[in-house]
Amino acid sequence: MRQQSANINARKSHAHRLHIGVAVGCGRAVKCKAATAQPVCIDAASSNFNPNIAVWQIPDGSSFPPAIANARILTLDHSGNLHSIYRPGQPLTGAYWDGLALLPALVPPGPIAILGLGAGTIAHLIHAYYPERLLHGWELDPLVVMMAEQHMGLKQLTDTGTLVAHVGDALDANATVGDDGAAGIIVDLFANGQLIPQLTQVKMQHLANRRIKAGACTASNYIAF
């Protein structure tokens, strides 16, 4: 298929999340060579959960912010919000993911649960700096997990046993880590660029409390657009 490129203007939003404005769409399963001047869509699909899943290769160069230059990024809809970023050998993102990934330094030994795995940005960060941690991540959309394994390094984590990638609802009562619970929980759940209503309900905090072991804590991204 003909490769597609997009004019992408990247900036830090007020919510400290990188925002990507995609000027053109990306057709399904677009394959291409590395871009030299413009971001290039290397794969795309749609699902019942996300209308326009796309993985973009951002070229290196001064025309792009250092945080995304030479990285692969995941977008899920036409809003242009950047949902995941992957750059082999450079796990730090310069965005909010770096802060959430500090949680293992604050909690007792044991597995870390990631509610809202996306393409694995937080999982890559934690593995880079806390390689002893076992990770459990929940992602609602199986196509996001599949594309992350193909194009954003997620398969490296799942194949080595570092990450258990669960496909399903992260807020389901059965989304737990063993009998003892997690040493820490990272919550990064959004829908259509908005904080999902369930996270503001007291019962969700009670559910989280039942999932963690003594001395554990949670880290949450409650910033919506």
C-alpha atoms as a PDB file:
ATOM      1  CA  MET A   1       0.000   0.000   0.000  1.00  0.00           C
ATOM      2  CA  ARG A   2       1.076   3.576  -0.567  1.00  0.00           C
ATOM      3  CA  GLN A   3       2.857   4.997   2.440  1.00  0.00           C
ATOM      4  CA  GLN A   4       1.203   7.950   4.120  1.00  0.00           C
ATOM      5  CA  SER A   5       2.762  10.828   5.979  1.00  0.00           C
ATOM      6  CA  ALA A   6       1.286  13.573   8.095  1.00  0.00           C
ATOM      7  CA  ASN A   7       2.119  17.102   9.096  1.00  0.00           C
ATOM      8  CA  ILE A   8       2.368  16.815  12.854  1.00  0.00           C
ATOM      9  CA  ASN A   9       2.697  19.760  15.191  1.00  0.00           C
ATOM     10  CA  ALA A  10       3.847  18.601  18.618  1.00  0.00           C
ATOM     11  CA  ARG A  11       3.516  20.628  21.782  1.00  0.00           C
ATOM     12  CA  LYS A  12       3.180  20.162  25.519  1.00  0.00           C
ATOM     13  CA  SER A  13      -0.462  20.629  26.497  1.00  0.00           C
ATOM     14  CA  HIS A  14      -1.564  22.269  29.729  1.00  0.00           C
ATOM     15  CA  ALA A  15      -2.053  18.761  31.098  1.00  0.00           C
ATOM     16  CA  HIS A  16       1.655  17.949  30.610  1.00  0.00           C
ATOM     17  CA  ARG A  17       0.815  15.383  27.950  1.00  0.00           C
ATOM     18  CA  LEU A  18       2.293  15.636  24.490  1.00  0.00           C
ATOM     19  CA  HIS A  19      -0.385  16.435  21.924  1.00  0.00           C
ATOM     20  CA  ILE A  20      -0.034  15.381  18.322  1.00  0.00           C
ATOM     21  CA  GLY A  21      -2.162  17.036  15.655  1.00  0.00           C
ATOM     22  CA  VAL A  22      -2.450  14.646  12.712  1.00  0.00           C
ATOM     23  CA  ALA A  23      -3.415  16.347   9.481  1.00  0.00           C
ATOM     24  CA  VAL A  24      -4.285  13.236   7.500  1.00  0.00           C
ATOM     25  CA  GLY A  25      -5.588   9.805   8.382  1.00  0.00           C
ATOM     26  CA  CYS A  26      -3.753   6.539   8.231  1.00  0.00           C
ATOM     27  CA  GLY A  27      -5.176   3.605   6.307  1.00  0.00           C
ATOM     28  CA  ARG A  28      -5.219   0.124   7.744  1.00  0.00           C
ATOM     29  CA  ALA A  29      -1.966  -1.836   7.782  1.00  0.00           C
ATOM     30  CA  VAL A  30       0.094   0.831   6.031  1.00  0.00           C
ATOM     31  CA  LYS A  31       3.698  -0.308   5.656  1.00  0.00           C
ATOM     32  CA  CYS A  32       6.495   2.069   4.822  1.00  0.00           C
ATOM     33  CA  LYS A  33      10.170   2.841   5.065  1.00  0.00           C
ATOM     34  CA  ALA A  34      11.548   5.163   7.722  1.00  0.00           C
ATOM     35  CA  ALA A  35      10.548   8.788   7.281  1.00  0.00           C
ATOM     36  CA  THR A  36      13.147  11.393   6.402  1.00  0.00           C
ATOM     37  CA  ALA A  37      11.152  14.590   6.877  1.00  0.00           C
ATOM     38  CA  GLN A  38       7.576  13.859   7.941  1.00  0.00           C
ATOM     39  CA  PRO A  39       6.046  11.471  10.458  1.00  0.00           C
ATOM     40  CA  VAL A  40       4.948   8.288   8.740  1.00  0.00           C
ATOM     41  CA  CYS A  41       2.123   5.954   9.655  1.00  0.00           C
ATOM     42  CA  ILE A  42       3.497   2.424   9.806  1.00  0.00           C
ATOM     43  CA  ASP A  43       0.335   0.594  10.877  1.00  0.00           C
ATOM     44  CA  ALA A  44      -3.300   1.382  11.608  1.00  0.00           C
ATOM     45  CA  ALA A  45      -6.587  -0.251  12.482  1.00  0.00           C
ATOM     46  CA  SER A  46      -9.984   0.458  13.991  1.00  0.00           C
ATOM     47  CA  SER A  47     -11.819  -1.422  16.714  1.00  0.00           C
ATOM     48  CA  ASN A  48     -14.987  -1.314  18.750  1.00  0.00           C
ATOM     49  CA  PHE A  49     -13.064   0.618  21.393  1.00  0.00           C
ATOM     50  CA  ASN A  50     -10.931   3.006  19.337  1.00  0.00           C
ATOM     51  CA  PRO A  51     -11.880   4.420  15.926  1.00  0.00           C
ATOM     52  CA  ASN A  52      -8.421   5.203  14.570  1.00  0.00           C
ATOM     53  CA  ILE A  53      -5.552   3.278  16.138  1.00  0.00           C
ATOM     54  CA  ALA A  54      -2.286   4.288  14.496  1.00  0.00           C
ATOM     55  CA  VAL A  55       1.438   3.877  15.118  1.00  0.00           C
ATOM     56  CA  TRP A  56       3.572   6.705  13.758  1.00  0.00           C
ATOM     57  CA  GLN A  57       7.322   6.881  13.252  1.00  0.00           C
ATOM     58  CA  ILE A  58       8.603  10.351  14.087  1.00  0.00           C
ATOM     59  CA  PRO A  59      11.823  11.225  12.244  1.00  0.00           C
ATOM     60  CA  ASP A  60      14.903  12.534  13.972  1.00  0.00           C
ATOM     61  CA  GLY A  61      15.790  16.186  13.516  1.00  0.00           C
ATOM     62  CA  SER A  62      15.540  19.653  14.954  1.00  0.00           C
ATOM     63  CA  SER A  63      12.045  20.205  13.544  1.00  0.00           C
ATOM     64  CA  PHE A  64      10.599  17.911  16.228  1.00  0.00           C
ATOM     65  CA  PRO A  65      10.696  18.271  20.024  1.00  0.00           C
ATOM     66  CA  PRO A  66      13.403  16.107  21.609  1.00  0.00           C
ATOM     67  CA  ALA A  67      10.737  14.217  23.577  1.00  0.00           C
ATOM     68  CA  ILE A  68       9.351  12.605  20.423  1.00  0.00           C
ATOM     69  CA  ALA A  69      12.149  12.863  17.838  1.00  0.00           C
ATOM     70  CA  ASN A  70      13.039   9.437  16.448  1.00  0.00           C
ATOM     71  CA  ALA A  71      10.263   7.806  18.502  1.00  0.00           C
ATOM     72  CA  ARG A  72       7.231   5.723  17.703  1.00  0.00           C
ATOM     73  CA  ILE A  73       3.948   7.056  19.014  1.00  0.00           C
ATOM     74  CA  LEU A  74       0.460   5.646  19.403  1.00  0.00           C
ATOM     75  CA  THR A  75      -2.704   7.613  18.638  1.00  0.00           C
ATOM     76  CA  LEU A  76      -6.210   6.232  19.107  1.00  0.00           C
ATOM     77  CA  ASP A  77      -8.546   8.790  17.552  1.00  0.00           C
ATOM     78  CA  HIS A  78      -8.651  11.983  15.497  1.00  0.00           C
ATOM     79  CA  SER A  79      -8.017  14.193  18.550  1.00  0.00           C
ATOM     80  CA  GLY A  80      -4.284  13.732  18.022  1.00  0.00           C
ATOM     81  CA  ASN A  81      -3.635  12.959  21.698  1.00  0.00           C
ATOM     82  CA  LEU A  82      -0.478  10.942  22.145  1.00  0.00           C
ATOM     83  CA  HIS A  83      -1.325   7.818  24.159  1.00  0.00           C
ATOM     84  CA  SER A  84       2.025   6.004  24.185  1.00  0.00           C
ATOM     85  CA  ILE A  85       5.598   6.627  23.125  1.00  0.00           C
ATOM     86  CA  TYR A  86       8.406   4.156  22.454  1.00  0.00           C
ATOM     87  CA  ARG A  87      12.058   4.863  21.743  1.00  0.00           C
ATOM     88  CA  PRO A  88      14.432   1.895  22.193  1.00  0.00           C
ATOM     89  CA  GLY A  89      17.232   2.630  24.638  1.00  0.00           C
ATOM     90  CA  GLN A  90      15.657   5.926  25.737  1.00  0.00           C
ATOM     91  CA  PRO A  91      12.807   5.126  28.126  1.00  0.00           C
ATOM     92  CA  LEU A  92      12.423   8.619  29.628  1.00  0.00           C
ATOM     93  CA  THR A  93       9.695  10.602  27.904  1.00  0.00           C
ATOM     94  CA  GLY A  94       9.823  14.088  29.425  1.00  0.00           C
ATOM     95  CA  ALA A  95       6.098  13.737  30.149  1.00  0.00           C
ATOM     96  CA  TYR A  96       3.850  12.564  32.989  1.00  0.00           C
ATOM     97  CA  TRP A  97       4.691   8.864  32.428  1.00  0.00           C
ATOM     98  CA  ASP A  98       8.112   9.474  34.018  1.00  0.00           C
ATOM     99  CA  GLY A  99       6.486  10.552  37.272  1.00  0.00           C
ATOM    100  CA  LEU A 100       4.099   7.610  37.439  1.00  0.00           C
ATOM    101  CA  ALA A 101       6.964   5.200  36.834  1.00  0.00           C
ATOM    102  CA  LEU A 102       8.625   6.320  40.092  1.00  0.00           C
ATOM    103  CA  LEU A 103       6.068   4.341  42.095  1.00  0.00           C
ATOM    104  CA  PRO A 104       8.268   1.212  42.528  1.00  0.00           C
ATOM    105  CA  ALA A 105      10.722   3.308  44.562  1.00  0.00           C
ATOM    106  CA  LEU A 106       7.984   4.030  47.120  1.00  0.00           C
ATOM    107  CA  VAL A 107       6.371   0.641  47.636  1.00  0.00           C
ATOM    108  CA  PRO A 108       7.385  -2.730  49.125  1.00  0.00           C
ATOM    109  CA  PRO A 109       8.698  -5.601  46.992  1.00  0.00           C
ATOM    110  CA  GLY A 110       6.167  -7.260  44.759  1.00  0.00           C
ATOM    111  CA  PRO A 111       4.374  -6.899  41.434  1.00  0.00           C
ATOM    112  CA  ILE A 112       3.192  -3.586  40.017  1.00  0.00           C
ATOM    113  CA  ALA A 113      -0.221  -3.303  38.347  1.00  0.00           C
ATOM    114  CA  ILE A 114      -0.723  -0.855  35.473  1.00  0.00           C
ATOM    115  CA  LEU A 115      -4.376  -0.026  34.818  1.00  0.00           C
ATOM    116  CA  GLY A 116      -4.329   1.413  31.317  1.00  0.00           C
ATOM    117  CA  LEU A 117      -1.359  -0.314  29.677  1.00  0.00           C
ATOM    118  CA  GLY A 118      -1.707   1.304  26.258  1.00  0.00           C
ATOM    119  CA  ALA A 119       1.339   0.408  24.185  1.00  0.00           C
ATOM    120  CA  GLY A 120       3.492  -0.050  27.287  1.00  0.00           C
ATOM    121  CA  THR A 121       5.226   3.288  27.903  1.00  0.00           C
ATOM    122  CA  ILE A 122       5.092   2.951  31.702  1.00  0.00           C
ATOM    123  CA  ALA A 123       6.013  -0.739  31.535  1.00  0.00           C
ATOM    124  CA  HIS A 124       9.167   0.075  29.544  1.00  0.00           C
ATOM    125  CA  LEU A 125      10.093   2.811  32.018  1.00  0.00           C
ATOM    126  CA  ILE A 126       9.689   0.616  35.085  1.00  0.00           C
ATOM    127  CA  HIS A 127      11.604  -2.263  33.512  1.00  0.00           C
ATOM    128  CA  ALA A 128      14.488   0.065  32.622  1.00  0.00           C
ATOM    129  CA  TYR A 129      14.941   1.367  36.176  1.00  0.00           C
ATOM    130  CA  TYR A 130      13.438  -1.396  38.325  1.00  0.00           C
ATOM    131  CA  PRO A 131      14.134  -4.577  36.318  1.00  0.00           C
ATOM    132  CA  GLU A 132      13.382  -6.817  39.293  1.00  0.00           C
ATOM    133  CA  ARG A 133       9.696  -5.862  39.274  1.00  0.00           C
ATOM    134  CA  LEU A 134       7.062  -8.126  37.766  1.00  0.00           C
ATOM    135  CA  LEU A 135       4.452  -6.075  35.925  1.00  0.00           C
ATOM    136  CA  HIS A 136       0.777  -6.762  35.255  1.00  0.00           C
ATOM    137  CA  GLY A 137      -0.889  -4.422  32.756  1.00  0.00           C
ATOM    138  CA  TRP A 138      -4.532  -4.193  31.717  1.00  0.00           C
ATOM    139  CA  GLU A 139      -5.606  -2.876  28.310  1.00  0.00           C
ATOM    140  CA  LEU A 140      -9.201  -2.934  27.120  1.00  0.00           C
ATOM    141  CA  ASP A 141      -8.478  -3.076  23.388  1.00  0.00           C
ATOM    142  CA  PRO A 142      -6.802  -6.252  22.047  1.00  0.00           C
ATOM    143  CA  LEU A 143      -5.767  -4.439  18.848  1.00  0.00           C
ATOM    144  CA  VAL A 144      -3.759  -1.927  20.871  1.00  0.00           C
ATOM    145  CA  VAL A 145      -1.880  -4.774  22.540  1.00  0.00           C
ATOM    146  CA  MET A 146      -1.290  -6.520  19.201  1.00  0.00           C
ATOM    147  CA  MET A 147       0.071  -3.402  17.527  1.00  0.00           C
ATOM    148  CA  ALA A 148       2.201  -2.575  20.558  1.00  0.00           C
ATOM    149  CA  GLU A 149       3.750  -6.052  20.372  1.00  0.00           C
ATOM    150  CA  GLN A 150       4.436  -5.654  16.659  1.00  0.00           C
ATOM    151  CA  HIS A 151       5.744  -2.098  16.591  1.00  0.00           C
ATOM    152  CA  MET A 152       6.438  -0.672  20.076  1.00  0.00           C
ATOM    153  CA  GLY A 153       8.551  -3.270  21.857  1.00  0.00           C
ATOM    154  CA  LEU A 154       5.831  -4.755  24.055  1.00  0.00           C
ATOM    155  CA  LYS A 155       6.611  -8.307  22.914  1.00  0.00           C
ATOM    156  CA  GLN A 156      10.093  -8.023  24.402  1.00  0.00           C
ATOM    157  CA  LEU A 157       8.527  -7.512  27.829  1.00  0.00           C
ATOM    158  CA  THR A 158       5.885 -10.226  27.524  1.00  0.00           C
ATOM    159  CA  ASP A 159       8.234 -12.838  26.039  1.00  0.00           C
ATOM    160  CA  THR A 160      10.741 -12.443  28.882  1.00  0.00           C
ATOM    161  CA  GLY A 161       8.045 -12.679  31.546  1.00  0.00           C
ATOM    162  CA  THR A 162       8.635  -9.123  32.720  1.00  0.00           C
ATOM    163  CA  LEU A 163       5.073  -8.130  31.829  1.00  0.00           C
ATOM    164  CA  VAL A 164       1.804 -10.017  31.914  1.00  0.00           C
ATOM    165  CA  ALA A 165      -0.478  -8.191  29.460  1.00  0.00           C
ATOM    166  CA  HIS A 166      -4.130  -8.706  30.355  1.00  0.00           C
ATOM    167  CA  VAL A 167      -6.733  -7.857  27.715  1.00  0.00           C
ATOM    168  CA  GLY A 168      -9.881  -6.730  29.488  1.00  0.00           C
ATOM    169  CA  ASP A 169     -11.492  -4.143  31.705  1.00  0.00           C
ATOM    170  CA  ALA A 170      -8.982  -2.798  34.232  1.00  0.00           C
ATOM    171  CA  LEU A 171     -11.856  -1.818  36.531  1.00  0.00           C
ATOM    172  CA  ASP A 172     -13.382  -5.276  36.642  1.00  0.00           C
ATOM    173  CA  ALA A 173     -13.416  -6.791  40.129  1.00  0.00           C
ATOM    174  CA  ASN A 174     -11.445  -9.773  38.808  1.00  0.00           C
ATOM    175  CA  ALA A 175      -8.573  -7.624  37.529  1.00  0.00           C
ATOM    176  CA  THR A 176      -6.274  -8.489  40.422  1.00  0.00           C
ATOM    177  CA  VAL A 177      -2.695  -9.637  40.939  1.00  0.00           C
ATOM    178  CA  GLY A 178      -2.731 -12.988  42.733  1.00  0.00           C
ATOM    179  CA  ASP A 179      -4.035 -13.587  46.228  1.00  0.00           C
ATOM    180  CA  ASP A 180      -1.729 -11.097  47.950  1.00  0.00           C
ATOM    181  CA  GLY A 181      -2.419  -8.160  45.652  1.00  0.00           C
ATOM    182  CA  ALA A 182      -0.047  -5.705  44.018  1.00  0.00           C
ATOM    183  CA  ALA A 183       2.733  -3.802  45.739  1.00  0.00           C
ATOM    184  CA  GLY A 184       1.584  -0.735  43.842  1.00  0.00           C
ATOM    185  CA  ILE A 185      -1.048   0.287  41.296  1.00  0.00           C
ATOM    186  CA  ILE A 186      -0.584   2.846  38.528  1.00  0.00           C
ATOM    187  CA  VAL A 187      -3.835   4.217  37.113  1.00  0.00           C
ATOM    188  CA  ASP A 188      -3.722   5.844  33.662  1.00  0.00           C
ATOM    189  CA  LEU A 189      -7.246   5.456  32.315  1.00  0.00           C
ATOM    190  CA  PHE A 190      -8.855   7.836  29.837  1.00  0.00           C
ATOM    191  CA  ALA A 191     -11.559   7.613  27.200  1.00  0.00           C
ATOM    192  CA  ASN A 192     -11.910  10.138  24.366  1.00  0.00           C
ATOM    193  CA  GLY A 193      -9.359  12.394  26.039  1.00  0.00           C
ATOM    194  CA  GLN A 194     -11.391  12.550  29.251  1.00  0.00           C
ATOM    195  CA  LEU A 195     -11.072  11.094  32.722  1.00  0.00           C
ATOM    196  CA  ILE A 196     -13.483   8.195  32.941  1.00  0.00           C
ATOM    197  CA  PRO A 197     -16.313   8.870  35.442  1.00  0.00           C
ATOM    198  CA  GLN A 198     -15.722   5.693  37.440  1.00  0.00           C
ATOM    199  CA  LEU A 199     -12.388   6.992  38.743  1.00  0.00           C
ATOM    200  CA  THR A 200     -14.103   9.814  40.605  1.00  0.00           C
ATOM    201  CA  GLN A 201     -16.362   7.476  42.541  1.00  0.00           C
ATOM    202  CA  VAL A 202     -15.555   6.472  46.109  1.00  0.00           C
ATOM    203  CA  LYS A 203     -16.290   2.834  45.378  1.00  0.00           C
ATOM    204  CA  MET A 204     -13.380   2.737  42.944  1.00  0.00           C
ATOM    205  CA  GLN A 205     -10.985   3.704  45.738  1.00  0.00           C
ATOM    206  CA  HIS A 206     -12.410   0.887  47.827  1.00  0.00           C
ATOM    207  CA  LEU A 207     -11.867  -1.506  44.917  1.00  0.00           C
ATOM    208  CA  ALA A 208      -8.258  -0.353  44.576  1.00  0.00           C
ATOM    209  CA  ASN A 209      -7.706  -0.858  48.307  1.00  0.00           C
ATOM    210  CA  ARG A 210      -8.763  -4.494  47.980  1.00  0.00           C
ATOM    211  CA  ARG A 211      -6.192  -5.054  45.228  1.00  0.00           C
ATOM    212  CA  ILE A 212      -3.043  -3.985  47.063  1.00  0.00           C
ATOM    213  CA  LYS A 213      -0.974  -5.515  49.819  1.00  0.00           C
ATOM    214  CA  ALA A 214      -0.115  -3.892  53.144  1.00  0.00           C
ATOM    215  CA  GLY A 215       2.203  -0.913  52.749  1.00  0.00           C
ATOM    216  CA  ALA A 216       1.357  -0.484  49.070  1.00  0.00           C
ATOM    217  CA  CYS A 217      -0.015   2.633  47.405  1.00  0.00           C
ATOM    218  CA  THR A 218      -1.375   3.907  44.118  1.00  0.00           C
ATOM    219  CA  ALA A 219      -0.272   6.563  41.631  1.00  0.00           C
ATOM    220  CA  SER A 220      -2.921   8.028  39.357  1.00  0.00           C
ATOM    221  CA  ASN A 221      -3.095  10.370  36.401  1.00  0.00           C
ATOM    222  CA  TYR A 222      -6.200  12.447  37.097  1.00  0.00           C
ATOM    223  CA  ILE A 223      -5.450  15.158  34.539  1.00  0.00           C
ATOM    224  CA  ALA A 224      -8.068  15.376  31.798  1.00  0.00           C
ATOM    225  CA  PHE A 225      -8.228  17.582  28.727  1.00  0.00           C
END
